[in-house]
Every structure is written in structure tokens, then in C-alpha cells.
Amino acid sequence: MDYFLNSDGKKILTRIIGAIQENKEYLSEIDGRIGDGDHGINMNKGFSIFEERIRDRDVAFSDGLGELGEILLTEIGGSMGPIYGTIFCGMAERCEGAEKIDLTLYAEMLRRGLEDLSEIIEAKVGDKTIVDTLAPAVEAVERSVNQGEPIDRAMASMISAAEQGKESTRDMVARVGRSSRLGERSKGVLDAGAVSCFLIIEAMGQGIQDLCL
């Protein structure tokens, strides 16, 4: 299939939760090198709250993304709560009410998340932030739409682009956020937000692939 049902989205959401929970220590370790060292703690807190709230009920992909976004906006500390909350809420609004989510709609969801993010932060590609992972992933999916690729191949392309974007932050000097105060000393370390974004995109892409088999 080249689409998945919105109502089946809990399977994707569960994979995303697991990706953050399994990597909470790794994320904090990376963050501790040029940041506060609490990225994994804060992300795990938000995603675990979400896990608890949806554990015993069905939830559509759009509804779940919106609920997760609201949790991250209101219930976790640090700068990444508003950042991820904005992305997820934007994605949720774009697919609200949809029965099926195909590649075109998914690309529009990602683009909406990135556009909404640009309204609250000034970061662009090359600034050593989450944008270095998210923007290439969005562009990869849009290319797949334009080229008529099947959704499973599009997800593979998205994951690959996100990984390359994440890895590119290692050699960047931070220009935005608290780590930017370190100047050249921020070089040589991955950006924690870029890493968590990759983990989420990878889990989301793999979850979509599984639903579209």
C-alpha cells in the first residue's frame, strides 16, 4: 500500500516513544558535551508521559501527534519542549480528519512542522541544530513525491537524508542557542537535538514502512 490509515497510527507513535526511551542516556551524554546535559532526561519525561496517557486507548496518528505536541509544549523543561511541540502540533493539524495518509499528505505534514518551527526559532541549515536533520528529511520526502516513488522507498530516502544531516552537525560550529557561546569549541560534537530528531524520524519512517507492507 502507498498509504496508511490514520487510525493505525498508534503503532508508529509507540516506535517513536521507544526510540527516545532507549536512547535517553545517549542523548544526555551528547548534550552534556556542549549543553546542559538534560536533553535525554527532558525528552524521556515527555514521551513517557505520553506513553502512559495512550497506553490503554486507541489513538489516531493525528490525534497522538497533537497530544504529544501539547505535552512537550507544557510539561517538560528546556528549549526542546517548545521546539518539538511546535513541530508535532503543526504536523497534527495538517492531517487532522484524514482517513488515509499517503506520501503527499505526509510530505505536507513534515513541511508544515518545519514551517511552524521557523516561526519560533531563527536557525537554518548549517547552524548546528535540529533543522540540520529535519530540513533534509522534509526535502527528501518532497523529492520522492515529485518522482513518484513508493512510500517504502521514500521512507528509506527520508531516513538516509536525516542521518546525513545529523552527522553533518559534528563538524559545524554552533550559531544558535546556548552552545553557540562556545564558538569553535562546539565543533567536533554532534548536536543533541539533531540526534533526537534523527531517532524520531527513523522510528517514524520504519513505522510507516511496516504499516504500508
N, C-alpha and C. Protein backbone atom coordinates (compact mmCIF):
# COMPACT_ATOMS: atom_id res chain seq x y z
N MET A 1 0.84 -1.20 0.00
CA MET A 1 0.00 0.00 0.00
C MET A 1 0.87 1.25 0.00
N ASP A 2 0.38 2.30 -0.63
CA ASP A 2 1.10 3.56 -0.64
C ASP A 2 0.44 4.58 0.28
N TYR A 3 -0.19 4.06 1.33
CA TYR A 3 -0.77 4.92 2.36
C TYR A 3 -0.93 4.09 3.62
N PHE A 4 -1.18 4.76 4.72
CA PHE A 4 -1.56 4.05 5.93
C PHE A 4 -2.77 4.76 6.53
N LEU A 5 -3.52 4.03 7.33
CA LEU A 5 -4.71 4.59 7.95
C LEU A 5 -4.32 5.44 9.15
N ASN A 6 -4.90 6.60 9.23
CA ASN A 6 -4.67 7.47 10.39
C ASN A 6 -4.98 6.73 11.69
N SER A 7 -6.02 5.91 11.65
CA SER A 7 -6.45 5.18 12.85
C SER A 7 -5.44 4.15 13.31
N ASP A 8 -4.50 3.76 12.44
CA ASP A 8 -3.47 2.78 12.81
C ASP A 8 -2.20 3.44 13.36
N GLY A 9 -2.25 4.73 13.54
CA GLY A 9 -1.03 5.48 13.87
C GLY A 9 -0.40 5.19 15.21
N LYS A 10 -1.13 4.56 16.13
CA LYS A 10 -0.55 4.27 17.44
C LYS A 10 0.69 3.40 17.31
N LYS A 11 0.72 2.54 16.30
CA LYS A 11 1.89 1.67 16.10
C LYS A 11 3.13 2.51 15.80
N ILE A 12 2.96 3.58 15.04
CA ILE A 12 4.09 4.47 14.74
C ILE A 12 4.49 5.24 15.98
N LEU A 13 3.51 5.76 16.69
CA LEU A 13 3.77 6.54 17.89
C LEU A 13 4.52 5.72 18.93
N THR A 14 4.16 4.45 19.06
CA THR A 14 4.83 3.57 20.02
C THR A 14 6.30 3.39 19.67
N ARG A 15 6.60 3.30 18.38
CA ARG A 15 8.00 3.18 17.96
C ARG A 15 8.79 4.43 18.29
N ILE A 16 8.16 5.58 18.13
CA ILE A 16 8.84 6.84 18.44
C ILE A 16 9.14 6.93 19.93
N ILE A 17 8.16 6.57 20.73
CA ILE A 17 8.35 6.58 22.19
C ILE A 17 9.54 5.70 22.56
N GLY A 18 9.58 4.49 22.01
CA GLY A 18 10.67 3.56 22.30
C GLY A 18 12.02 4.10 21.90
N ALA A 19 12.09 4.77 20.77
CA ALA A 19 13.36 5.31 20.28
C ALA A 19 13.94 6.32 21.26
N ILE A 20 13.08 7.16 21.83
CA ILE A 20 13.55 8.16 22.80
C ILE A 20 13.91 7.50 24.13
N GLN A 21 13.06 6.61 24.61
CA GLN A 21 13.32 5.96 25.89
C GLN A 21 14.60 5.15 25.87
N GLU A 22 14.84 4.45 24.77
CA GLU A 22 16.03 3.61 24.67
C GLU A 22 17.32 4.41 24.53
N ASN A 23 17.21 5.66 24.15
CA ASN A 23 18.40 6.48 23.91
C ASN A 23 18.50 7.68 24.85
N LYS A 24 17.78 7.66 25.95
CA LYS A 24 17.76 8.82 26.84
C LYS A 24 19.15 9.12 27.41
N GLU A 25 19.89 8.11 27.79
CA GLU A 25 21.23 8.35 28.35
C GLU A 25 22.18 8.85 27.28
N TYR A 26 22.10 8.28 26.08
CA TYR A 26 22.94 8.71 24.97
C TYR A 26 22.68 10.17 24.63
N LEU A 27 21.42 10.57 24.60
CA LEU A 27 21.08 11.95 24.27
C LEU A 27 21.61 12.92 25.32
N SER A 28 21.52 12.55 26.58
CA SER A 28 22.04 13.42 27.64
C SER A 28 23.56 13.47 27.61
N GLU A 29 24.18 12.35 27.26
CA GLU A 29 25.64 12.33 27.16
C GLU A 29 26.12 13.29 26.08
N ILE A 30 25.49 13.23 24.92
CA ILE A 30 25.86 14.14 23.83
C ILE A 30 25.60 15.59 24.23
N ASP A 31 24.45 15.83 24.83
CA ASP A 31 24.08 17.19 25.23
C ASP A 31 25.05 17.73 26.27
N GLY A 32 25.55 16.86 27.12
CA GLY A 32 26.46 17.30 28.18
C GLY A 32 27.79 17.80 27.68
N ARG A 33 28.14 17.48 26.46
CA ARG A 33 29.43 17.91 25.92
C ARG A 33 29.45 19.39 25.56
N ILE A 34 28.31 19.91 25.11
CA ILE A 34 28.27 21.33 24.76
C ILE A 34 27.00 22.02 25.27
N GLY A 35 26.22 21.31 26.08
CA GLY A 35 24.97 21.87 26.58
C GLY A 35 24.78 21.55 28.05
N ASP A 36 23.51 21.51 28.47
CA ASP A 36 23.19 21.30 29.88
C ASP A 36 23.21 19.83 30.30
N GLY A 37 23.19 18.93 29.34
CA GLY A 37 23.21 17.51 29.66
C GLY A 37 21.87 16.94 30.08
N ASP A 38 20.79 17.68 29.81
CA ASP A 38 19.47 17.22 30.25
C ASP A 38 18.52 16.89 29.10
N HIS A 39 19.04 16.86 27.88
CA HIS A 39 18.16 16.65 26.73
C HIS A 39 17.47 15.29 26.80
N GLY A 40 18.22 14.25 27.08
CA GLY A 40 17.63 12.92 27.17
C GLY A 40 16.63 12.81 28.31
N ILE A 41 16.94 13.44 29.43
CA ILE A 41 16.05 13.42 30.59
C ILE A 41 14.72 14.08 30.26
N ASN A 42 14.80 15.26 29.68
CA ASN A 42 13.57 16.00 29.37
C ASN A 42 12.74 15.32 28.30
N MET A 43 13.40 14.83 27.25
CA MET A 43 12.68 14.15 26.19
C MET A 43 12.03 12.88 26.71
N ASN A 44 12.76 12.11 27.50
CA ASN A 44 12.22 10.88 28.05
C ASN A 44 11.01 11.17 28.95
N LYS A 45 11.09 12.24 29.71
CA LYS A 45 9.97 12.61 30.57
C LYS A 45 8.71 12.86 29.74
N GLY A 46 8.84 13.67 28.71
CA GLY A 46 7.68 14.00 27.89
C GLY A 46 7.10 12.80 27.17
N PHE A 47 7.97 12.00 26.57
CA PHE A 47 7.50 10.85 25.81
C PHE A 47 6.94 9.77 26.73
N SER A 48 7.46 9.67 27.94
CA SER A 48 6.94 8.68 28.89
C SER A 48 5.57 9.09 29.42
N ILE A 49 5.37 10.40 29.62
CA ILE A 49 4.04 10.89 29.99
C ILE A 49 3.04 10.53 28.89
N PHE A 50 3.45 10.75 27.66
CA PHE A 50 2.60 10.44 26.52
C PHE A 50 2.30 8.95 26.46
N GLU A 51 3.31 8.12 26.67
CA GLU A 51 3.13 6.67 26.66
C GLU A 51 2.07 6.26 27.67
N GLU A 52 2.15 6.82 28.86
CA GLU A 52 1.21 6.47 29.91
C GLU A 52 -0.22 6.87 29.53
N ARG A 53 -0.36 8.01 28.90
CA ARG A 53 -1.70 8.52 28.58
C ARG A 53 -2.39 7.75 27.46
N ILE A 54 -1.61 7.16 26.57
CA ILE A 54 -2.24 6.44 25.45
C ILE A 54 -2.19 4.93 25.63
N ARG A 55 -1.62 4.47 26.74
CA ARG A 55 -1.38 3.04 26.92
C ARG A 55 -2.63 2.20 26.74
N ASP A 56 -3.72 2.62 27.33
CA ASP A 56 -4.92 1.78 27.35
C ASP A 56 -6.03 2.28 26.43
N ARG A 57 -5.66 3.04 25.41
CA ARG A 57 -6.69 3.50 24.48
C ARG A 57 -6.13 3.60 23.07
N ASP A 58 -7.04 3.52 22.12
CA ASP A 58 -6.65 3.70 20.73
C ASP A 58 -6.48 5.19 20.45
N VAL A 59 -5.54 5.51 19.60
CA VAL A 59 -5.33 6.91 19.25
C VAL A 59 -4.88 7.00 17.80
N ALA A 60 -5.49 7.88 17.05
CA ALA A 60 -5.10 8.08 15.65
C ALA A 60 -3.76 8.80 15.59
N PHE A 61 -3.10 8.70 14.45
CA PHE A 61 -1.80 9.34 14.28
C PHE A 61 -1.90 10.85 14.49
N SER A 62 -2.88 11.47 13.88
CA SER A 62 -3.04 12.92 14.01
C SER A 62 -3.33 13.32 15.45
N ASP A 63 -4.23 12.60 16.10
CA ASP A 63 -4.58 12.92 17.49
C ASP A 63 -3.39 12.71 18.42
N GLY A 64 -2.65 11.63 18.18
CA GLY A 64 -1.50 11.33 19.01
C GLY A 64 -0.40 12.36 18.86
N LEU A 65 -0.13 12.76 17.63
CA LEU A 65 0.89 13.80 17.41
C LEU A 65 0.50 15.09 18.11
N GLY A 66 -0.78 15.44 18.03
CA GLY A 66 -1.24 16.66 18.69
C GLY A 66 -1.12 16.57 20.20
N GLU A 67 -1.49 15.42 20.75
CA GLU A 67 -1.40 15.24 22.20
C GLU A 67 0.05 15.26 22.66
N LEU A 68 0.92 14.58 21.92
CA LEU A 68 2.34 14.58 22.25
C LEU A 68 2.89 16.00 22.18
N GLY A 69 2.50 16.72 21.15
CA GLY A 69 2.96 18.10 21.00
C GLY A 69 2.57 18.96 22.18
N GLU A 70 1.34 18.83 22.64
CA GLU A 70 0.87 19.63 23.77
C GLU A 70 1.62 19.27 25.04
N ILE A 71 1.92 17.99 25.23
CA ILE A 71 2.69 17.57 26.40
C ILE A 71 4.08 18.20 26.37
N LEU A 72 4.72 18.14 25.22
CA LEU A 72 6.07 18.68 25.11
C LEU A 72 6.08 20.20 25.27
N LEU A 73 5.03 20.86 24.83
CA LEU A 73 4.94 22.31 24.97
C LEU A 73 4.75 22.74 26.42
N THR A 74 4.06 21.93 27.19
CA THR A 74 3.62 22.39 28.51
C THR A 74 4.24 21.67 29.71
N GLU A 75 4.80 20.48 29.50
CA GLU A 75 5.15 19.66 30.66
C GLU A 75 6.61 19.25 30.78
N ILE A 76 7.49 19.69 29.87
CA ILE A 76 8.90 19.37 30.05
C ILE A 76 9.72 20.65 30.00
N GLY A 77 10.89 20.59 30.62
CA GLY A 77 11.76 21.76 30.66
C GLY A 77 12.67 21.82 29.45
N GLY A 78 13.50 22.86 29.44
CA GLY A 78 14.46 23.02 28.36
C GLY A 78 13.86 23.65 27.12
N SER A 79 14.71 23.93 26.17
CA SER A 79 14.27 24.60 24.94
C SER A 79 13.60 23.65 23.95
N MET A 80 13.88 22.34 24.09
CA MET A 80 13.39 21.41 23.08
C MET A 80 11.91 21.09 23.21
N GLY A 81 11.32 21.31 24.37
CA GLY A 81 9.89 21.08 24.51
C GLY A 81 9.08 21.92 23.54
N PRO A 82 9.26 23.24 23.56
CA PRO A 82 8.55 24.08 22.59
C PRO A 82 8.90 23.77 21.14
N ILE A 83 10.15 23.40 20.90
CA ILE A 83 10.57 23.11 19.53
C ILE A 83 9.84 21.88 18.99
N TYR A 84 9.93 20.77 19.71
CA TYR A 84 9.25 19.56 19.25
C TYR A 84 7.73 19.70 19.34
N GLY A 85 7.26 20.38 20.38
CA GLY A 85 5.82 20.58 20.50
C GLY A 85 5.24 21.31 19.30
N THR A 86 5.97 22.32 18.85
CA THR A 86 5.54 23.09 17.68
C THR A 86 5.52 22.23 16.42
N ILE A 87 6.56 21.42 16.24
CA ILE A 87 6.63 20.55 15.06
C ILE A 87 5.47 19.55 15.05
N PHE A 88 5.27 18.86 16.16
CA PHE A 88 4.24 17.82 16.21
C PHE A 88 2.84 18.41 16.09
N CYS A 89 2.60 19.54 16.73
CA CYS A 89 1.28 20.16 16.62
C CYS A 89 0.99 20.60 15.19
N GLY A 90 2.00 21.12 14.52
CA GLY A 90 1.83 21.51 13.13
C GLY A 90 1.53 20.33 12.24
N MET A 91 2.26 19.23 12.44
CA MET A 91 2.01 18.02 11.67
C MET A 91 0.61 17.49 11.92
N ALA A 92 0.20 17.53 13.18
CA ALA A 92 -1.13 17.01 13.55
C ALA A 92 -2.24 17.82 12.89
N GLU A 93 -2.09 19.13 12.90
CA GLU A 93 -3.12 19.99 12.30
C GLU A 93 -3.27 19.73 10.81
N ARG A 94 -2.14 19.45 10.15
CA ARG A 94 -2.19 19.25 8.70
C ARG A 94 -2.94 17.98 8.32
N CYS A 95 -2.91 16.95 9.16
CA CYS A 95 -3.58 15.69 8.80
C CYS A 95 -4.84 15.43 9.62
N GLU A 96 -5.26 16.42 10.39
CA GLU A 96 -6.46 16.25 11.21
C GLU A 96 -7.67 15.92 10.34
N GLY A 97 -8.38 14.87 10.72
CA GLY A 97 -9.57 14.47 9.99
C GLY A 97 -9.33 13.57 8.79
N ALA A 98 -8.06 13.34 8.45
CA ALA A 98 -7.76 12.49 7.30
C ALA A 98 -7.98 11.02 7.66
N GLU A 99 -8.58 10.28 6.74
CA GLU A 99 -8.74 8.84 6.95
C GLU A 99 -7.48 8.10 6.56
N LYS A 100 -6.91 8.48 5.43
CA LYS A 100 -5.69 7.86 4.92
C LYS A 100 -4.58 8.90 4.83
N ILE A 101 -3.36 8.47 5.11
CA ILE A 101 -2.20 9.35 4.97
C ILE A 101 -1.28 8.75 3.92
N ASP A 102 -1.23 9.40 2.77
CA ASP A 102 -0.34 8.94 1.70
C ASP A 102 0.92 9.78 1.72
N LEU A 103 1.81 9.53 0.77
CA LEU A 103 3.11 10.19 0.77
C LEU A 103 2.97 11.70 0.59
N THR A 104 2.05 12.11 -0.26
CA THR A 104 1.85 13.54 -0.48
C THR A 104 1.42 14.25 0.79
N LEU A 105 0.46 13.67 1.50
CA LEU A 105 0.00 14.28 2.74
C LEU A 105 1.10 14.25 3.80
N TYR A 106 1.83 13.16 3.87
CA TYR A 106 2.91 13.07 4.85
C TYR A 106 3.97 14.14 4.58
N ALA A 107 4.30 14.36 3.31
CA ALA A 107 5.26 15.41 2.96
C ALA A 107 4.74 16.77 3.40
N GLU A 108 3.45 17.00 3.22
CA GLU A 108 2.85 18.27 3.63
C GLU A 108 2.87 18.42 5.15
N MET A 109 2.71 17.32 5.86
CA MET A 109 2.79 17.35 7.32
C MET A 109 4.18 17.75 7.78
N LEU A 110 5.19 17.13 7.20
CA LEU A 110 6.57 17.46 7.56
C LEU A 110 6.89 18.92 7.24
N ARG A 111 6.47 19.36 6.07
CA ARG A 111 6.73 20.75 5.67
C ARG A 111 6.05 21.72 6.64
N ARG A 112 4.83 21.39 7.05
CA ARG A 112 4.11 22.25 8.00
C ARG A 112 4.87 22.32 9.33
N GLY A 113 5.37 21.18 9.79
CA GLY A 113 6.13 21.18 11.02
C GLY A 113 7.37 22.04 10.93
N LEU A 114 8.08 21.94 9.82
CA LEU A 114 9.29 22.74 9.62
C LEU A 114 8.96 24.22 9.52
N GLU A 115 7.89 24.55 8.81
CA GLU A 115 7.50 25.95 8.66
C GLU A 115 7.07 26.56 10.00
N ASP A 116 6.32 25.79 10.77
CA ASP A 116 5.91 26.30 12.09
C ASP A 116 7.13 26.49 12.99
N LEU A 117 8.09 25.59 12.88
CA LEU A 117 9.31 25.72 13.67
C LEU A 117 10.05 27.00 13.32
N SER A 118 10.07 27.34 12.05
CA SER A 118 10.79 28.54 11.60
C SER A 118 10.19 29.82 12.16
N GLU A 119 8.96 29.72 12.67
CA GLU A 119 8.31 30.90 13.24
C GLU A 119 8.74 31.15 14.68
N ILE A 120 9.37 30.14 15.32
CA ILE A 120 9.77 30.33 16.72
C ILE A 120 11.28 30.30 16.92
N ILE A 121 12.04 29.79 15.94
CA ILE A 121 13.49 29.84 16.02
C ILE A 121 14.06 30.35 14.70
N GLU A 122 15.22 30.95 14.77
CA GLU A 122 15.82 31.54 13.59
C GLU A 122 16.81 30.61 12.89
N ALA A 123 16.99 29.41 13.42
CA ALA A 123 18.01 28.50 12.89
C ALA A 123 17.73 28.11 11.46
N LYS A 124 18.81 27.94 10.73
CA LYS A 124 18.74 27.44 9.35
C LYS A 124 19.76 26.32 9.21
N VAL A 125 19.73 25.63 8.09
CA VAL A 125 20.69 24.56 7.84
C VAL A 125 22.10 25.13 7.93
N GLY A 126 22.95 24.44 8.70
CA GLY A 126 24.32 24.89 8.89
C GLY A 126 24.58 25.53 10.24
N ASP A 127 23.51 25.72 11.03
CA ASP A 127 23.65 26.37 12.34
C ASP A 127 23.85 25.39 13.48
N LYS A 128 23.92 24.10 13.19
CA LYS A 128 24.12 23.03 14.19
C LYS A 128 22.92 22.93 15.13
N THR A 129 21.78 22.62 14.54
CA THR A 129 20.54 22.47 15.31
C THR A 129 19.71 21.32 14.73
N ILE A 130 18.54 21.14 15.29
CA ILE A 130 17.57 20.17 14.81
C ILE A 130 17.24 20.38 13.33
N VAL A 131 17.32 21.62 12.87
CA VAL A 131 16.99 21.93 11.48
C VAL A 131 17.90 21.19 10.51
N ASP A 132 19.14 20.92 10.92
CA ASP A 132 20.08 20.22 10.04
C ASP A 132 19.65 18.78 9.78
N THR A 133 18.84 18.22 10.64
CA THR A 133 18.27 16.89 10.42
C THR A 133 16.91 16.97 9.75
N LEU A 134 16.07 17.85 10.25
CA LEU A 134 14.68 17.90 9.78
C LEU A 134 14.55 18.41 8.35
N ALA A 135 15.25 19.48 8.01
CA ALA A 135 15.09 20.07 6.67
C ALA A 135 15.47 19.09 5.55
N PRO A 136 16.61 18.40 5.64
CA PRO A 136 16.93 17.42 4.58
C PRO A 136 15.91 16.29 4.50
N ALA A 137 15.36 15.88 5.64
CA ALA A 137 14.35 14.82 5.64
C ALA A 137 13.09 15.28 4.91
N VAL A 138 12.66 16.50 5.18
CA VAL A 138 11.49 17.05 4.51
C VAL A 138 11.72 17.12 3.01
N GLU A 139 12.88 17.62 2.62
CA GLU A 139 13.20 17.76 1.20
C GLU A 139 13.28 16.41 0.51
N ALA A 140 13.78 15.40 1.21
CA ALA A 140 13.88 14.06 0.63
C ALA A 140 12.49 13.50 0.33
N VAL A 141 11.56 13.68 1.26
CA VAL A 141 10.20 13.17 1.04
C VAL A 141 9.53 13.93 -0.10
N GLU A 142 9.75 15.22 -0.17
CA GLU A 142 9.16 16.00 -1.27
C GLU A 142 9.73 15.58 -2.62
N ARG A 143 11.01 15.26 -2.66
CA ARG A 143 11.59 14.74 -3.90
C ARG A 143 10.95 13.42 -4.28
N SER A 144 10.74 12.57 -3.30
CA SER A 144 10.11 11.27 -3.56
C SER A 144 8.71 11.44 -4.12
N VAL A 145 7.97 12.41 -3.60
CA VAL A 145 6.63 12.70 -4.12
C VAL A 145 6.73 13.12 -5.58
N ASN A 146 7.64 14.03 -5.87
CA ASN A 146 7.78 14.54 -7.24
C ASN A 146 8.22 13.46 -8.22
N GLN A 147 8.99 12.48 -7.71
CA GLN A 147 9.50 11.41 -8.57
C GLN A 147 8.57 10.20 -8.60
N GLY A 148 7.48 10.25 -7.86
CA GLY A 148 6.52 9.16 -7.86
C GLY A 148 7.01 7.89 -7.20
N GLU A 149 7.91 8.02 -6.23
CA GLU A 149 8.45 6.84 -5.56
C GLU A 149 7.41 6.21 -4.63
N PRO A 150 7.46 4.90 -4.44
CA PRO A 150 6.58 4.25 -3.46
C PRO A 150 6.96 4.69 -2.05
N ILE A 151 6.02 4.57 -1.15
CA ILE A 151 6.20 5.12 0.18
C ILE A 151 7.33 4.44 0.95
N ASP A 152 7.54 3.13 0.74
CA ASP A 152 8.61 2.46 1.47
C ASP A 152 9.98 2.99 1.06
N ARG A 153 10.16 3.22 -0.22
CA ARG A 153 11.43 3.77 -0.70
C ARG A 153 11.59 5.22 -0.25
N ALA A 154 10.50 5.95 -0.23
CA ALA A 154 10.54 7.34 0.23
C ALA A 154 10.96 7.42 1.69
N MET A 155 10.49 6.49 2.50
CA MET A 155 10.87 6.49 3.91
C MET A 155 12.35 6.17 4.07
N ALA A 156 12.86 5.26 3.25
CA ALA A 156 14.29 4.95 3.29
C ALA A 156 15.11 6.18 2.91
N SER A 157 14.66 6.90 1.91
CA SER A 157 15.36 8.12 1.49
C SER A 157 15.30 9.18 2.59
N MET A 158 14.16 9.29 3.24
CA MET A 158 14.00 10.25 4.33
C MET A 158 14.95 9.95 5.48
N ILE A 159 15.02 8.68 5.86
CA ILE A 159 15.89 8.28 6.96
C ILE A 159 17.34 8.53 6.62
N SER A 160 17.74 8.20 5.40
CA SER A 160 19.11 8.42 4.96
C SER A 160 19.47 9.91 4.98
N ALA A 161 18.57 10.74 4.49
CA ALA A 161 18.82 12.19 4.47
C ALA A 161 18.92 12.74 5.88
N ALA A 162 18.06 12.26 6.77
CA ALA A 162 18.09 12.71 8.15
C ALA A 162 19.39 12.30 8.83
N GLU A 163 19.85 11.09 8.54
CA GLU A 163 21.10 10.63 9.15
C GLU A 163 22.29 11.46 8.67
N GLN A 164 22.33 11.73 7.38
CA GLN A 164 23.40 12.56 6.84
C GLN A 164 23.36 13.96 7.45
N GLY A 165 22.17 14.49 7.61
CA GLY A 165 22.03 15.81 8.22
C GLY A 165 22.50 15.81 9.66
N LYS A 166 22.12 14.79 10.40
CA LYS A 166 22.55 14.66 11.79
C LYS A 166 24.06 14.59 11.88
N GLU A 167 24.67 13.75 11.06
CA GLU A 167 26.13 13.59 11.09
C GLU A 167 26.85 14.87 10.68
N SER A 168 26.23 15.67 9.84
CA SER A 168 26.87 16.91 9.39
C SER A 168 27.08 17.89 10.53
N THR A 169 26.30 17.77 11.60
CA THR A 169 26.43 18.73 12.71
C THR A 169 27.73 18.54 13.48
N ARG A 170 28.36 17.40 13.33
CA ARG A 170 29.61 17.14 14.06
C ARG A 170 30.68 18.17 13.72
N ASP A 171 30.77 18.55 12.47
CA ASP A 171 31.82 19.46 12.03
C ASP A 171 31.37 20.91 11.96
N MET A 172 30.21 21.20 12.51
CA MET A 172 29.70 22.57 12.49
C MET A 172 30.05 23.31 13.78
N VAL A 173 30.09 24.61 13.68
CA VAL A 173 30.20 25.50 14.84
C VAL A 173 28.78 25.99 15.15
N ALA A 174 28.36 25.82 16.39
CA ALA A 174 27.00 26.22 16.77
C ALA A 174 26.82 27.73 16.64
N ARG A 175 25.76 28.12 15.98
CA ARG A 175 25.47 29.54 15.78
C ARG A 175 24.18 29.98 16.47
N VAL A 176 23.45 29.02 17.01
CA VAL A 176 22.16 29.33 17.64
C VAL A 176 22.08 28.59 18.97
N GLY A 177 21.46 29.19 19.95
CA GLY A 177 21.27 28.52 21.22
C GLY A 177 22.44 28.67 22.17
N ARG A 178 22.30 28.03 23.32
CA ARG A 178 23.30 28.17 24.38
C ARG A 178 24.68 27.70 23.95
N SER A 179 24.74 26.64 23.16
CA SER A 179 26.04 26.11 22.74
C SER A 179 26.79 27.06 21.82
N SER A 180 26.08 28.04 21.24
CA SER A 180 26.75 28.99 20.35
C SER A 180 27.76 29.84 21.10
N ARG A 181 27.62 29.94 22.42
CA ARG A 181 28.57 30.72 23.22
C ARG A 181 29.94 30.07 23.27
N LEU A 182 29.99 28.79 22.92
CA LEU A 182 31.28 28.08 22.94
C LEU A 182 32.10 28.34 21.70
N GLY A 183 31.49 28.88 20.67
CA GLY A 183 32.22 29.17 19.44
C GLY A 183 32.84 27.91 18.85
N GLU A 184 34.12 27.98 18.53
CA GLU A 184 34.83 26.87 17.90
C GLU A 184 34.86 25.62 18.77
N ARG A 185 34.71 25.79 20.07
CA ARG A 185 34.73 24.63 20.97
C ARG A 185 33.51 23.72 20.78
N SER A 186 32.48 24.23 20.12
CA SER A 186 31.30 23.40 19.85
C SER A 186 31.52 22.46 18.68
N LYS A 187 32.60 22.64 17.96
CA LYS A 187 32.90 21.81 16.80
C LYS A 187 33.43 20.45 17.26
N GLY A 188 33.09 19.40 16.50
CA GLY A 188 33.58 18.06 16.81
C GLY A 188 32.61 17.22 17.60
N VAL A 189 31.45 17.77 17.92
CA VAL A 189 30.43 17.07 18.69
C VAL A 189 29.10 17.15 17.95
N LEU A 190 28.36 16.07 17.94
CA LEU A 190 27.02 16.09 17.34
C LEU A 190 26.09 16.98 18.15
N ASP A 191 25.14 17.60 17.49
CA ASP A 191 24.12 18.37 18.18
C ASP A 191 23.05 17.41 18.72
N ALA A 192 22.74 17.54 20.00
CA ALA A 192 21.80 16.60 20.63
C ALA A 192 20.41 16.67 20.01
N GLY A 193 19.95 17.87 19.67
CA GLY A 193 18.64 18.00 19.04
C GLY A 193 18.60 17.36 17.67
N ALA A 194 19.70 17.48 16.93
CA ALA A 194 19.78 16.84 15.62
C ALA A 194 19.73 15.32 15.76
N VAL A 195 20.35 14.81 16.83
CA VAL A 195 20.36 13.36 17.06
C VAL A 195 18.97 12.87 17.44
N SER A 196 18.31 13.55 18.37
CA SER A 196 16.97 13.10 18.77
C SER A 196 15.99 13.21 17.60
N CYS A 197 16.17 14.22 16.77
CA CYS A 197 15.31 14.36 15.59
C CYS A 197 15.52 13.18 14.64
N PHE A 198 16.77 12.77 14.47
CA PHE A 198 17.03 11.61 13.62
C PHE A 198 16.36 10.36 14.19
N LEU A 199 16.49 10.15 15.49
CA LEU A 199 15.89 8.97 16.11
C LEU A 199 14.38 8.95 15.89
N ILE A 200 13.75 10.11 16.00
CA ILE A 200 12.30 10.20 15.80
C ILE A 200 11.94 9.94 14.34
N ILE A 201 12.67 10.56 13.43
CA ILE A 201 12.40 10.37 12.00
C ILE A 201 12.63 8.93 11.59
N GLU A 202 13.69 8.33 12.09
CA GLU A 202 13.97 6.93 11.77
C GLU A 202 12.84 6.03 12.26
N ALA A 203 12.42 6.21 13.51
CA ALA A 203 11.35 5.39 14.07
C ALA A 203 10.03 5.62 13.33
N MET A 204 9.75 6.87 13.00
CA MET A 204 8.53 7.19 12.28
C MET A 204 8.55 6.56 10.89
N GLY A 205 9.66 6.68 10.20
CA GLY A 205 9.78 6.11 8.86
C GLY A 205 9.65 4.60 8.86
N GLN A 206 10.29 3.96 9.83
CA GLN A 206 10.20 2.50 9.91
C GLN A 206 8.79 2.05 10.28
N GLY A 207 8.13 2.82 11.14
CA GLY A 207 6.75 2.51 11.49
C GLY A 207 5.82 2.62 10.30
N ILE A 208 6.03 3.65 9.49
CA ILE A 208 5.21 3.83 8.28
C ILE A 208 5.48 2.70 7.30
N GLN A 209 6.74 2.32 7.15
CA GLN A 209 7.07 1.20 6.26
C GLN A 209 6.34 -0.06 6.69
N ASP A 210 6.32 -0.33 7.98
CA ASP A 210 5.65 -1.54 8.48
C ASP A 210 4.15 -1.51 8.18
N LEU A 211 3.53 -0.34 8.32
CA LEU A 211 2.09 -0.24 8.07
C LEU A 211 1.75 -0.34 6.59
N CYS A 212 2.71 -0.03 5.74
CA CYS A 212 2.44 0.00 4.30
C CYS A 212 2.90 -1.26 3.57
N LEU A 213 3.27 -2.29 4.33
CA LEU A 213 3.70 -3.54 3.69
C LEU A 213 2.55 -4.18 2.92
